[in-house]
Amino acid sequence: MRLSLIPAFILMILTGSVYADGGSKHTDSAKAPVNFPKPPVTAQRLFYVQRDPNSNTIVYDINMGSNGEPDADEPVKVYWIKYNERGQKEDLNFIQRKFAYGLTSKSLGNGDYDIRFVSYKKFPLTLKKAPDGKYRIFASISQKQAILSSIFVRVQGGTFWFPNVPYVEVKGTDPQTGKEMVERFKP
């Protein structure tokens, strides 16, 4: 299935092991796991997205305003960690922000936000306070609300504007038990 600029997220996952080989074309959608670098854990980190064909990673951090609540205009800050270069942080360019990995946000009141990827609005996310009092991104994983940690998008060919995405894998944590949850789906 081809989707217009699947956000390297699409909702794509990867924490621990990932299904990718670092850059070659794939003929098998279930490659053996390969370890991509994991972004360092920070107090602001919400989740990250990784995808074929390289280990460059899109990071999504909470953007707090001066009032101690998420910034109303931009509650989530999005940027690259360019592992295939020097590991530097870089802002998304216009096309990446508007057509691929960027987010839209809508206030739901009480400090909660509906968050959507610009390239795949079918996967709703909610930014809200978790039981630990910190803001987290919640997503449906295996038909249960979980704290999203990562997404991996398997890309097999296609073009820049229309990549072939056989599956997306999302990982998160059950907020009640702390157990890791994983779901793979075909977008």
Protein backbone atom coordinates (compact mmCIF):
# COMPACT_ATOMS: atom_id res chain seq x y z
CA MET A 1 0.00 0.00 0.00
CA ARG A 2 1.34 3.42 -0.85
CA LEU A 3 0.61 6.38 1.39
CA SER A 4 1.55 9.95 0.81
CA LEU A 5 4.59 10.63 2.96
CA ILE A 6 3.99 8.31 5.80
CA PRO A 7 5.31 10.14 8.77
CA ALA A 8 8.28 8.27 9.67
CA PHE A 9 6.07 7.54 12.32
CA ILE A 10 3.36 6.15 10.87
CA LEU A 11 3.20 5.65 13.27
CA MET A 12 6.26 3.78 13.25
CA ILE A 13 8.08 2.30 16.08
CA LEU A 14 11.27 1.18 17.47
CA THR A 15 12.62 0.84 20.92
CA GLY A 16 14.90 -2.04 21.44
CA SER A 17 14.92 -3.99 18.23
CA VAL A 18 13.75 -2.68 14.90
CA TYR A 19 13.01 -4.31 11.64
CA ALA A 20 15.33 -2.63 9.19
CA ASP A 21 18.68 -3.22 7.65
CA GLY A 22 20.00 0.30 7.58
CA GLY A 23 19.51 1.19 3.97
CA SER A 24 19.25 -1.59 1.41
CA LYS A 25 16.09 -2.36 -0.54
CA HIS A 26 13.92 -4.95 1.16
CA THR A 27 12.25 -7.94 -0.39
CA ASP A 28 11.05 -9.46 2.89
CA SER A 29 8.78 -7.37 5.12
CA ALA A 30 9.84 -9.26 8.26
CA LYS A 31 13.60 -8.74 8.28
CA ALA A 32 15.61 -9.82 11.26
CA PRO A 33 15.78 -7.09 13.92
CA VAL A 34 18.52 -4.51 13.62
CA ASN A 35 19.38 -2.08 16.36
CA PHE A 36 19.11 1.57 15.39
CA PRO A 37 20.50 4.09 17.87
CA LYS A 38 17.94 5.12 20.47
CA PRO A 39 17.60 8.82 21.22
CA PRO A 40 18.77 9.63 24.73
CA VAL A 41 15.99 9.77 27.29
CA THR A 42 15.14 13.32 28.36
CA ALA A 43 12.51 14.85 30.63
CA GLN A 44 10.83 16.36 27.53
CA ARG A 45 10.75 13.20 25.37
CA LEU A 46 7.30 12.03 24.31
CA PHE A 47 8.19 9.50 21.59
CA TYR A 48 10.26 9.02 18.46
CA VAL A 49 9.84 7.62 14.95
CA GLN A 50 12.29 5.57 12.97
CA ARG A 51 11.94 4.15 9.48
CA ASP A 52 13.75 2.60 6.59
CA PRO A 53 16.05 3.25 4.88
CA ASN A 54 18.37 4.77 7.50
CA SER A 55 18.71 5.39 11.22
CA ASN A 56 17.97 9.14 11.17
CA THR A 57 15.28 9.59 13.82
CA ILE A 58 12.39 12.01 14.22
CA VAL A 59 11.95 13.06 17.85
CA TYR A 60 8.80 14.46 19.46
CA ASP A 61 9.28 16.39 22.72
CA ILE A 62 6.84 18.26 24.94
CA ASN A 63 7.04 22.02 24.39
CA MET A 64 6.11 23.60 27.71
CA GLY A 65 4.97 27.19 27.95
CA SER A 66 5.95 29.62 30.69
CA ASN A 67 2.78 28.75 32.62
CA GLY A 68 3.88 25.13 33.19
CA GLU A 69 1.38 23.82 30.63
CA PRO A 70 2.03 22.74 27.03
CA ASP A 71 2.48 25.68 24.67
CA ALA A 72 -0.98 26.32 23.19
CA ASP A 73 0.35 27.06 19.68
CA GLU A 74 2.96 24.28 19.51
CA PRO A 75 2.54 21.70 22.30
CA VAL A 76 4.97 19.27 20.66
CA LYS A 77 8.42 20.16 19.30
CA VAL A 78 9.56 17.97 16.38
CA TYR A 79 13.15 17.59 15.14
CA TRP A 80 15.64 15.16 13.62
CA ILE A 81 18.58 13.42 15.19
CA LYS A 82 20.78 12.78 12.15
CA TYR A 83 22.53 9.56 13.19
CA ASN A 84 23.69 8.95 9.60
CA GLU A 85 25.72 12.15 9.79
CA ARG A 86 27.23 13.43 13.06
CA GLY A 87 24.28 12.70 15.34
CA GLN A 88 23.31 16.38 15.30
CA LYS A 89 19.83 17.77 15.91
CA GLU A 90 18.14 19.51 12.98
CA ASP A 91 14.74 21.09 12.48
CA LEU A 92 12.42 19.53 9.94
CA ASN A 93 12.33 21.34 6.62
CA PHE A 94 9.08 22.77 5.24
CA ILE A 95 8.12 19.66 3.22
CA GLN A 96 8.89 17.29 6.11
CA ARG A 97 6.91 19.46 8.55
CA LYS A 98 3.87 20.04 6.30
CA PHE A 99 3.61 16.72 4.43
CA ALA A 100 5.41 13.98 6.34
CA TYR A 101 6.49 14.08 9.99
CA GLY A 102 4.84 17.22 11.29
CA LEU A 103 1.87 17.25 13.63
CA THR A 104 -1.37 19.13 13.96
CA SER A 105 -2.79 19.87 17.40
CA LYS A 106 -6.19 20.86 18.72
CA SER A 107 -6.85 21.81 22.31
CA LEU A 108 -9.40 19.58 24.04
CA GLY A 109 -9.43 21.74 27.17
CA ASN A 110 -7.91 21.02 30.59
CA GLY A 111 -4.41 20.93 29.07
CA ASP A 112 -5.23 17.96 26.79
CA TYR A 113 -4.59 18.01 23.02
CA ASP A 114 -5.69 15.94 20.05
CA ILE A 115 -2.49 15.32 18.07
CA ARG A 116 -2.36 13.97 14.49
CA PHE A 117 0.42 13.30 12.01
CA VAL A 118 -0.01 15.50 8.95
CA SER A 119 0.57 12.47 6.71
CA TYR A 120 -1.66 9.97 8.52
CA LYS A 121 -4.59 11.46 10.37
CA LYS A 122 -6.17 8.03 10.98
CA PHE A 123 -3.95 7.42 14.01
CA PRO A 124 -5.18 9.72 16.79
CA LEU A 125 -2.84 10.66 19.62
CA THR A 126 -3.71 12.48 22.82
CA LEU A 127 -1.31 14.66 24.76
CA LYS A 128 -2.36 14.65 28.42
CA LYS A 129 -1.10 14.15 31.95
CA ALA A 130 -0.35 10.55 32.83
CA PRO A 131 -0.92 9.03 36.27
CA ASP A 132 2.66 10.09 37.17
CA GLY A 133 1.70 13.76 36.64
CA LYS A 134 3.88 14.19 33.53
CA TYR A 135 2.58 14.97 30.08
CA ARG A 136 2.63 11.94 27.77
CA ILE A 137 1.31 10.95 24.36
CA PHE A 138 -1.40 8.30 24.55
CA ALA A 139 -2.29 6.07 21.59
CA SER A 140 -4.39 2.98 21.02
CA ILE A 141 -2.12 -0.06 20.98
CA SER A 142 -3.79 -3.46 20.72
CA GLN A 143 -7.14 -1.76 21.41
CA LYS A 144 -5.98 -0.29 24.71
CA GLN A 145 -4.78 3.22 25.60
CA ALA A 146 -1.03 3.19 26.15
CA ILE A 147 1.75 5.72 26.62
CA LEU A 148 3.42 5.85 23.19
CA SER A 149 7.20 5.43 23.21
CA SER A 150 8.17 4.77 19.59
CA ILE A 151 7.02 4.02 16.07
CA PHE A 152 8.80 2.15 13.31
CA VAL A 153 7.70 2.43 9.70
CA ARG A 154 8.81 -0.29 7.31
CA VAL A 155 9.39 1.22 3.86
CA GLN A 156 9.97 -1.05 0.87
CA GLY A 157 10.57 0.95 -2.24
CA GLY A 158 8.09 3.33 -3.75
CA THR A 159 8.97 6.98 -4.23
CA PHE A 160 9.63 9.98 -2.01
CA TRP A 161 6.01 11.14 -2.31
CA PHE A 162 4.49 7.64 -2.38
CA PRO A 163 6.53 5.20 -0.31
CA ASN A 164 5.43 1.57 -0.13
CA VAL A 165 4.72 0.88 3.57
CA PRO A 166 4.02 -2.80 4.32
CA TYR A 167 3.59 -2.14 8.03
CA VAL A 168 3.93 0.24 10.94
CA GLU A 169 4.89 -0.98 14.39
CA VAL A 170 3.99 1.02 17.48
CA LYS A 171 5.32 0.49 20.98
CA GLY A 172 4.18 1.86 24.25
CA THR A 173 3.59 1.16 27.91
CA ASP A 174 0.42 0.21 29.73
CA PRO A 175 -0.06 3.14 32.16
CA GLN A 176 -1.54 0.85 34.82
CA THR A 177 0.88 -2.10 34.76
CA GLY A 178 4.01 -0.64 33.14
CA LYS A 179 4.04 -3.59 30.72
CA GLU A 180 5.35 -2.96 27.19
CA MET A 181 2.74 -3.13 24.44
CA VAL A 182 3.44 -3.65 20.74
CA GLU A 183 1.17 -3.63 17.72
CA ARG A 184 1.96 -3.93 14.03
CA PHE A 185 -0.55 -2.81 11.39
CA LYS A 186 -0.77 -2.21 7.67
CA PRO A 187 -1.65 1.43 6.98
